[in-house]
Amino acid sequence: MHRLLLMGVSGSGKSTLGPLLGAALGVPFADADAFHPPANIEKMSRGEPLTDADRAPWLAALGAWLAGQAGGGIIGCSALKRAYRDALRAAAPGLRLLFLAGPPALIAARQAARPGHFMPASLMDSQFATLEHPAPEEDAIILDIAQPPVALLRAALAALPPAQPR
């Protein structure tokens, strides 16, 4: 069973890689953006970063979704702080991290090509300022987002151990 967290700043490719990886592994993918309550979306749409208090119920909902996927699942979530990742791991033991890493210039270019998303490009600086790179003990698989999606998929699959039966 694979329980995976695709993490990275907004625009890093979580929503692109997640469905590909889910199809390859035969597990569902959920985009964390779909779990935000309307108040969070409104706040981000105004260009205001979320607080930890804003994120707490959202992280609880993500953890509940992951824990409820008996056969495994993948969630695409920024999970910028270690505390957020720890909360998700506590809710879904065995959660494995895949960190979609890339330079701010590449992310900015992707954000500019993504019209209509509620996360404005103006919040990119706050995303990078908040980002706590995974520590060695988090055992994250680091993926270079400069690669095309198919190459990222191959790299992720090669780095993941075989699924363990539940």
Protein backbone atom coordinates (compact mmCIF):
# COMPACT_ATOMS: atom_id res chain seq x y z
CA MET A 1 0.00 0.00 0.00
CA HIS A 2 1.31 3.44 -0.92
CA ARG A 3 0.31 6.50 1.08
CA LEU A 4 2.07 9.42 -0.53
CA LEU A 5 2.29 13.16 -0.01
CA LEU A 6 3.31 15.19 -3.06
CA MET A 7 4.56 18.39 -1.48
CA GLY A 8 5.93 21.66 -2.78
CA VAL A 9 5.03 25.28 -3.29
CA SER A 10 2.04 26.27 -5.40
CA GLY A 11 2.86 25.72 -9.07
CA SER A 12 5.43 22.97 -8.46
CA GLY A 13 3.40 20.35 -10.35
CA LYS A 14 1.50 18.45 -7.68
CA SER A 15 -1.75 18.51 -9.67
CA THR A 16 0.04 17.36 -12.81
CA LEU A 17 2.13 14.54 -11.33
CA GLY A 18 -0.46 13.33 -8.81
CA PRO A 19 -2.99 11.84 -11.25
CA LEU A 20 -0.19 10.25 -13.31
CA LEU A 21 1.33 8.67 -10.22
CA GLY A 22 -2.06 7.56 -8.91
CA ALA A 23 -2.85 5.86 -12.23
CA ALA A 24 0.54 4.15 -12.29
CA LEU A 25 0.17 2.86 -8.73
CA GLY A 26 -3.57 2.13 -8.89
CA VAL A 27 -4.43 4.44 -5.98
CA PRO A 28 -6.64 7.54 -5.81
CA PHE A 29 -5.19 11.04 -5.99
CA ALA A 30 -6.70 14.02 -4.19
CA ASP A 31 -5.70 17.64 -4.64
CA ALA A 32 -5.55 19.39 -1.28
CA ASP A 33 -6.94 22.55 -2.88
CA ALA A 34 -10.31 20.78 -3.06
CA PHE A 35 -10.34 20.47 0.74
CA HIS A 36 -9.96 24.20 1.49
CA PRO A 37 -13.03 25.78 3.07
CA PRO A 38 -14.44 28.81 1.21
CA ALA A 39 -12.96 31.21 3.80
CA ASN A 40 -9.43 29.98 3.01
CA ILE A 41 -9.97 30.34 -0.73
CA GLU A 42 -11.37 33.84 -0.27
CA LYS A 43 -8.40 34.83 1.87
CA MET A 44 -5.84 33.52 -0.64
CA SER A 45 -7.77 35.11 -3.51
CA ARG A 46 -7.30 38.46 -1.78
CA GLY A 47 -3.55 37.79 -1.69
CA GLU A 48 -3.46 37.03 2.04
CA PRO A 49 -1.36 34.09 3.21
CA LEU A 50 -3.11 31.52 5.40
CA THR A 51 -2.22 31.26 9.06
CA ASP A 52 -1.57 28.02 10.91
CA ALA A 53 -5.03 28.42 12.48
CA ASP A 54 -6.54 28.66 8.97
CA ARG A 55 -4.73 25.49 7.96
CA ALA A 56 -5.53 23.32 11.01
CA PRO A 57 -9.02 22.12 9.93
CA TRP A 58 -7.79 21.73 6.35
CA LEU A 59 -4.87 19.53 7.46
CA ALA A 60 -7.25 17.49 9.64
CA ALA A 61 -9.48 16.87 6.61
CA LEU A 62 -6.49 15.84 4.50
CA GLY A 63 -5.26 13.47 7.18
CA ALA A 64 -8.72 11.92 7.51
CA TRP A 65 -8.89 11.39 3.74
CA LEU A 66 -5.46 9.72 3.68
CA ALA A 67 -6.29 7.54 6.69
CA GLY A 68 -9.53 6.47 5.03
CA GLN A 69 -7.81 5.15 1.90
CA ALA A 70 -7.43 1.52 2.92
CA GLY A 71 -5.62 0.59 -0.29
CA GLY A 72 -3.41 3.67 -0.29
CA GLY A 73 -3.70 7.12 -1.76
CA ILE A 74 -1.85 10.20 -2.86
CA ILE A 75 -2.50 13.75 -1.79
CA GLY A 76 -1.02 16.81 -3.45
CA CYS A 77 -0.50 19.38 -0.72
CA SER A 78 2.00 22.19 -0.27
CA ALA A 79 2.81 20.96 3.28
CA LEU A 80 5.38 23.73 3.50
CA LYS A 81 6.15 23.35 7.21
CA ARG A 82 7.44 20.28 8.99
CA ALA A 83 4.59 20.64 11.50
CA TYR A 84 2.06 20.24 8.67
CA ARG A 85 3.81 17.13 7.38
CA ASP A 86 4.03 15.74 10.92
CA ALA A 87 0.26 16.24 11.33
CA LEU A 88 -0.39 14.34 8.10
CA ARG A 89 2.01 11.54 9.10
CA ALA A 90 0.30 11.25 12.49
CA ALA A 91 -3.07 10.84 10.76
CA ALA A 92 -1.74 8.45 8.11
CA PRO A 93 1.13 6.33 9.43
CA GLY A 94 3.59 5.23 6.77
CA LEU A 95 3.05 8.40 4.72
CA ARG A 96 5.91 8.89 2.27
CA LEU A 97 6.99 12.35 1.08
CA LEU A 98 7.79 13.29 -2.49
CA PHE A 99 9.13 16.85 -2.58
CA LEU A 100 8.67 18.67 -5.89
CA ALA A 101 11.59 21.08 -5.78
CA GLY A 102 12.51 23.85 -8.17
CA PRO A 103 13.76 27.42 -8.39
CA PRO A 104 11.49 30.42 -7.83
CA ALA A 105 11.91 31.61 -11.44
CA LEU A 106 10.53 28.34 -12.83
CA ILE A 107 7.64 28.38 -10.37
CA ALA A 108 6.85 32.02 -11.25
CA ALA A 109 6.72 31.13 -14.95
CA ARG A 110 4.32 28.27 -14.21
CA GLN A 111 2.15 30.51 -12.04
CA ALA A 112 1.94 33.09 -14.83
CA ALA A 113 0.71 30.37 -17.21
CA ARG A 114 -2.05 29.32 -14.76
CA PRO A 115 -4.80 31.93 -15.14
CA GLY A 116 -7.85 31.73 -12.93
CA HIS A 117 -6.28 29.80 -10.04
CA PHE A 118 -7.25 31.17 -6.64
CA MET A 119 -3.61 31.24 -5.50
CA PRO A 120 -2.22 34.50 -6.91
CA ALA A 121 1.40 34.75 -8.01
CA SER A 122 1.77 37.54 -5.44
CA LEU A 123 1.85 34.89 -2.69
CA MET A 124 4.86 33.06 -4.16
CA ASP A 125 7.34 34.94 -1.97
CA SER A 126 5.40 33.92 1.14
CA GLN A 127 5.35 30.29 -0.05
CA PHE A 128 9.14 30.18 -0.42
CA ALA A 129 9.61 32.09 2.86
CA THR A 130 7.43 29.52 4.67
CA LEU A 131 8.92 26.43 3.00
CA GLU A 132 10.87 24.21 5.38
CA HIS A 133 12.76 21.75 3.23
CA PRO A 134 12.30 18.17 4.42
CA ALA A 135 14.90 17.13 6.99
CA PRO A 136 16.98 14.00 6.33
CA GLU A 137 14.97 11.97 8.85
CA GLU A 138 11.80 12.72 6.89
CA ASP A 139 13.24 10.49 4.15
CA ALA A 140 11.68 12.54 1.36
CA ILE A 141 12.13 11.63 -2.27
CA ILE A 142 13.27 14.86 -3.93
CA LEU A 143 12.13 15.38 -7.52
CA ASP A 144 13.53 18.11 -9.78
CA ILE A 145 10.56 19.87 -11.38
CA ALA A 146 12.64 21.08 -14.31
CA GLN A 147 12.03 17.61 -15.76
CA PRO A 148 8.91 16.93 -17.84
CA PRO A 149 6.02 15.14 -16.08
CA VAL A 150 6.79 11.73 -17.63
CA ALA A 151 10.39 11.91 -16.38
CA LEU A 152 9.16 12.95 -12.92
CA LEU A 153 6.79 10.00 -12.92
CA ARG A 154 9.60 7.59 -13.85
CA ALA A 155 11.86 9.05 -11.15
CA ALA A 156 9.13 8.79 -8.50
CA LEU A 157 8.30 5.20 -9.40
CA ALA A 158 11.97 4.22 -9.40
CA ALA A 159 12.49 5.76 -5.95
CA LEU A 160 9.45 4.20 -4.30
CA PRO A 161 9.76 0.80 -2.68
CA PRO A 162 7.27 -1.86 -3.75
CA ALA A 163 3.86 -1.43 -2.11
CA GLN A 164 3.50 -3.28 1.15
CA PRO A 165 0.30 -5.29 1.61
CA ARG A 166 -2.07 -3.84 4.16
